[in-house]
C-alpha cells in the first residue's frame, strides 16, 4: 500500500495543466474513505441498518487494483472501449495478485473485491458514490471543468447509481448528498460552502 503514495491517477492526466496537482492513489483512497464513512453514518442517523465498517473496508480497497497501472485515461477509455475493458481486466488480475499476498486475510480481500465490482449491496453502492464524488471534486479542484454546468453529466450518473440502492432510505440519503454536492459546485464558492455548513451544524 506504500506504493499508493507514488501511483498517479492516470485517468485525469490529460486534464491536468500542472503536474504538481496530479492526484495519487493514496490521496484518492483517503478522501473516498472519508466520504463513504460520512455517508454511511448519515444512513445510520436516518435509521438504516448499514454496515459502516464494510463501507470503510470497501472504500479502502476499491482501487488497489490500479497499483501497477490499471487506471486507463478517462478520455482514452471513452474513445476506445476495448482499452477500458483491457484496463478492467488488468485491474482484476492485480487484485488476484494482491489477494495472494494478503495471508490470512486473502479470502476477506477477495470477497471485498467481488462485492465492490458487483455493486449490488447498498454498502458497495455507497462506496461507488463516494468514489465518483471524490473524482468530481478533484476535477473541480484542478479546474478542468470551468463551466459549472459541465458537472451535470457526472451528477446525473451519480443519481442513477444512487437509485440502485435497495433501501429507499439509503437512496434518499445518497440523492440528498449528491444534490448538496452539486449545489456547492454550482456556486463555486468555498467560503460560502464552509459558512453554510457551519450554520447547518450550529
Protein backbone atom coordinates (compact mmCIF):
# COMPACT_ATOMS: atom_id res chain seq x y z
CA UNK A 1 0.00 0.00 0.00
CA UNK A 2 3.01 2.27 0.42
CA UNK A 3 3.21 2.27 -3.39
CA UNK A 4 -0.08 4.19 -3.47
CA UNK A 5 1.83 7.33 -2.40
CA UNK A 6 3.52 7.39 -5.80
CA UNK A 7 0.87 5.82 -8.03
CA UNK A 8 -0.58 8.67 -10.13
CA UNK A 9 -4.21 8.55 -11.14
CA UNK A 10 -3.54 8.35 -14.85
CA UNK A 11 -7.21 8.80 -15.68
CA UNK A 12 -7.06 12.57 -15.43
CA UNK A 13 -3.57 13.32 -16.77
CA UNK A 14 -4.84 14.92 -19.98
CA UNK A 15 -7.00 17.27 -17.92
CA UNK A 16 -4.18 18.46 -15.65
CA UNK A 17 -2.22 21.55 -16.66
CA UNK A 18 0.17 21.40 -13.69
CA UNK A 19 1.78 18.05 -12.89
CA UNK A 20 2.09 19.11 -9.25
CA UNK A 21 -1.68 18.70 -8.79
CA UNK A 22 -1.86 15.16 -10.19
CA UNK A 23 -3.69 13.10 -7.60
CA UNK A 24 -2.23 9.85 -6.35
CA UNK A 25 -4.00 6.71 -5.23
CA UNK A 26 -3.28 7.29 -1.52
CA UNK A 27 -4.97 10.72 -1.61
CA UNK A 28 -7.92 9.32 -3.51
CA UNK A 29 -8.39 6.36 -1.16
CA UNK A 30 -8.25 8.55 1.94
CA UNK A 31 -10.83 11.01 0.60
CA UNK A 32 -13.15 8.28 -0.73
CA UNK A 33 -12.96 6.52 2.65
CA UNK A 34 -13.81 9.74 4.48
CA UNK A 35 -16.76 10.46 2.18
CA UNK A 36 -18.02 6.87 2.37
CA UNK A 37 -17.76 6.91 6.17
CA UNK A 38 -19.80 10.12 6.40
CA UNK A 39 -22.48 8.80 4.03
CA UNK A 40 -22.73 5.55 5.99
CA UNK A 41 -23.10 7.47 9.26
CA UNK A 42 -25.80 9.63 7.66
CA UNK A 43 -27.63 6.42 6.70
CA UNK A 44 -27.40 5.22 10.30
CA UNK A 45 -28.86 8.52 11.51
CA UNK A 46 -31.72 8.01 9.05
CA UNK A 47 -32.49 4.71 10.77
CA UNK A 48 -30.96 2.44 8.13
CA UNK A 49 -29.03 -0.69 9.07
CA UNK A 50 -25.84 -0.06 7.11
CA UNK A 51 -22.56 -1.84 7.84
CA UNK A 52 -20.29 1.19 8.35
CA UNK A 53 -17.21 -0.99 8.77
CA UNK A 54 -17.96 -2.75 5.48
CA UNK A 55 -18.27 0.60 3.69
CA UNK A 56 -14.90 1.66 5.10
CA UNK A 57 -13.27 -1.63 4.01
CA UNK A 58 -14.72 -1.35 0.51
CA UNK A 59 -13.54 2.26 0.21
CA UNK A 60 -10.04 1.35 1.40
CA UNK A 61 -9.52 -1.35 -1.22
CA UNK A 62 -11.72 -0.20 -4.11
CA UNK A 63 -8.92 1.00 -6.43
CA UNK A 64 -5.96 -1.03 -5.17
CA UNK A 65 -6.09 -2.95 -8.44
CA UNK A 66 -4.66 0.22 -10.03
CA UNK A 67 -1.40 -0.03 -8.04
CA UNK A 68 0.57 -1.24 -11.05
CA UNK A 69 -1.02 0.99 -13.66
CA UNK A 70 -4.53 -0.32 -14.29
CA UNK A 71 -6.15 3.12 -14.41
CA UNK A 72 -6.87 3.85 -18.08
CA UNK A 73 -7.01 7.51 -19.03
CA UNK A 74 -10.61 8.74 -18.84
CA UNK A 75 -10.67 10.31 -22.30
CA UNK A 76 -8.85 7.40 -23.96
CA UNK A 77 -11.22 4.91 -22.32
CA UNK A 78 -14.23 6.82 -23.65
CA UNK A 79 -12.77 6.83 -27.16
CA UNK A 80 -11.60 3.20 -27.14
CA UNK A 81 -13.96 0.83 -25.25
CA UNK A 82 -11.56 -2.07 -25.83
CA UNK A 83 -8.92 -0.19 -23.83
CA UNK A 84 -11.35 0.30 -20.95
CA UNK A 85 -12.12 -3.43 -20.98
CA UNK A 86 -8.42 -4.33 -21.03
CA UNK A 87 -7.78 -1.91 -18.16
CA UNK A 88 -10.51 -3.54 -16.08
CA UNK A 89 -9.05 -6.99 -16.69
CA UNK A 90 -5.59 -5.69 -15.74
CA UNK A 91 -7.12 -4.38 -12.53
CA UNK A 92 -8.83 -7.72 -11.77
CA UNK A 93 -5.52 -9.55 -12.33
CA UNK A 94 -3.76 -7.16 -9.96
CA UNK A 95 -6.48 -7.76 -7.35
CA UNK A 96 -5.90 -11.52 -7.64
CA UNK A 97 -2.16 -10.94 -7.19
CA UNK A 98 -2.69 -8.70 -4.13
CA UNK A 99 -5.11 -11.18 -2.54
CA UNK A 100 -2.44 -13.89 -2.74
CA UNK A 101 -0.14 -11.61 -0.73
CA UNK A 102 -2.75 -10.94 1.95
CA UNK A 103 -2.00 -14.01 4.07
CA UNK A 104 -4.81 -14.83 6.48
CA UNK A 105 -6.99 -12.05 5.03
CA UNK A 106 -6.83 -13.44 1.48
CA UNK A 107 -10.46 -14.60 1.41
CA UNK A 108 -11.67 -11.38 3.02
CA UNK A 109 -9.87 -9.29 0.40
CA UNK A 110 -11.24 -11.45 -2.42
CA UNK A 111 -14.77 -11.00 -1.04
CA UNK A 112 -14.31 -7.23 -0.84
CA UNK A 113 -13.09 -7.05 -4.45
CA UNK A 114 -16.02 -9.16 -5.60
CA UNK A 115 -18.58 -7.08 -3.69
CA UNK A 116 -17.11 -3.76 -4.85
CA UNK A 117 -17.05 -4.77 -8.51
CA UNK A 118 -20.55 -6.28 -8.35
CA UNK A 119 -22.07 -3.12 -6.86
CA UNK A 120 -25.20 -4.90 -5.70
CA UNK A 121 -25.12 -4.25 -1.94
CA UNK A 122 -26.04 -0.87 -0.52
CA UNK A 123 -22.56 -0.71 1.03
CA UNK A 124 -20.97 -1.16 -2.43
CA UNK A 125 -23.27 1.48 -3.90
CA UNK A 126 -22.32 3.93 -1.14
CA UNK A 127 -18.68 3.20 -1.96
CA UNK A 128 -19.26 3.88 -5.67
CA UNK A 129 -20.99 7.19 -4.94
CA UNK A 130 -18.12 8.19 -2.63
CA UNK A 131 -15.60 7.21 -5.34
CA UNK A 132 -17.23 9.22 -8.13
CA UNK A 133 -17.96 12.18 -5.85
CA UNK A 134 -14.29 12.41 -4.87
CA UNK A 135 -13.33 12.32 -8.55
CA UNK A 136 -15.90 15.03 -9.28
CA UNK A 137 -14.48 17.30 -6.58
CA UNK A 138 -10.95 16.57 -7.79
CA UNK A 139 -11.88 17.81 -11.26
CA UNK A 140 -13.39 20.91 -9.62
CA UNK A 141 -10.20 21.33 -7.56
CA UNK A 142 -7.92 21.32 -10.63
CA UNK A 143 -10.50 23.34 -12.61
CA UNK A 144 -10.73 21.02 -15.61
CA UNK A 145 -14.40 21.90 -15.90
CA UNK A 146 -14.70 25.68 -15.72
CA UNK A 147 -18.38 25.77 -16.60
CA UNK A 148 -20.42 24.58 -13.56
CA UNK A 149 -22.99 23.20 -16.00
CA UNK A 150 -20.41 20.72 -17.26
CA UNK A 151 -20.73 18.80 -13.99
CA UNK A 152 -24.29 17.87 -14.89
CA UNK A 153 -23.39 14.64 -16.69
CA UNK A 154 -21.38 13.39 -13.70
CA UNK A 155 -24.16 14.34 -11.30
CA UNK A 156 -26.74 12.56 -13.47
CA UNK A 157 -24.60 9.39 -13.42
CA UNK A 158 -24.31 9.63 -9.63
CA UNK A 159 -28.09 9.93 -9.28
CA UNK A 160 -28.62 6.81 -11.44
CA UNK A 161 -26.20 4.88 -9.20
CA UNK A 162 -27.88 6.18 -6.02
CA UNK A 163 -31.27 4.94 -7.19
CA UNK A 164 -29.88 1.38 -7.37
CA UNK A 165 -29.68 1.18 -3.58
CA UNK A 166 -32.10 -1.45 -2.29
CA UNK A 167 -33.18 0.51 0.78
CA UNK A 168 -35.23 3.59 -0.14
CA UNK A 169 -33.80 5.45 2.85
CA UNK A 170 -30.27 4.85 1.55
CA UNK A 171 -31.43 6.18 -1.81
CA UNK A 172 -32.73 9.34 -0.13
CA UNK A 173 -29.51 9.92 1.82
CA UNK A 174 -27.43 9.46 -1.34
CA UNK A 175 -29.65 11.65 -3.51
CA UNK A 176 -29.69 14.45 -0.90
CA UNK A 177 -25.90 14.18 -0.60
CA UNK A 178 -25.39 14.32 -4.37
CA UNK A 179 -27.72 17.30 -4.77
CA UNK A 180 -25.93 19.13 -1.95
CA UNK A 181 -22.55 18.48 -3.61
CA UNK A 182 -23.91 19.60 -6.97
CA UNK A 183 -25.18 22.86 -5.48
CA UNK A 184 -21.81 23.51 -3.84
CA UNK A 185 -20.02 23.01 -7.15
CA UNK A 186 -22.52 25.19 -8.97
CA UNK A 187 -21.89 28.08 -6.59
CA UNK A 188 -18.11 27.52 -6.88
CA UNK A 189 -17.59 29.41 -3.62
CA UNK A 190 -15.62 27.52 -0.97
CA UNK A 191 -16.09 30.27 1.62
CA UNK A 192 -19.86 30.09 1.20
CA UNK A 193 -19.79 26.27 1.33
CA UNK A 194 -17.99 26.36 4.69
CA UNK A 195 -20.20 29.13 6.08
CA UNK A 196 -23.42 27.34 5.06
CA UNK A 197 -22.19 24.06 6.55
CA UNK A 198 -21.30 25.83 9.80
CA UNK A 199 -24.85 27.24 10.00
CA UNK A 200 -26.33 23.77 9.46
CA UNK A 201 -24.11 22.24 12.16
CA UNK A 202 -25.00 25.02 14.61
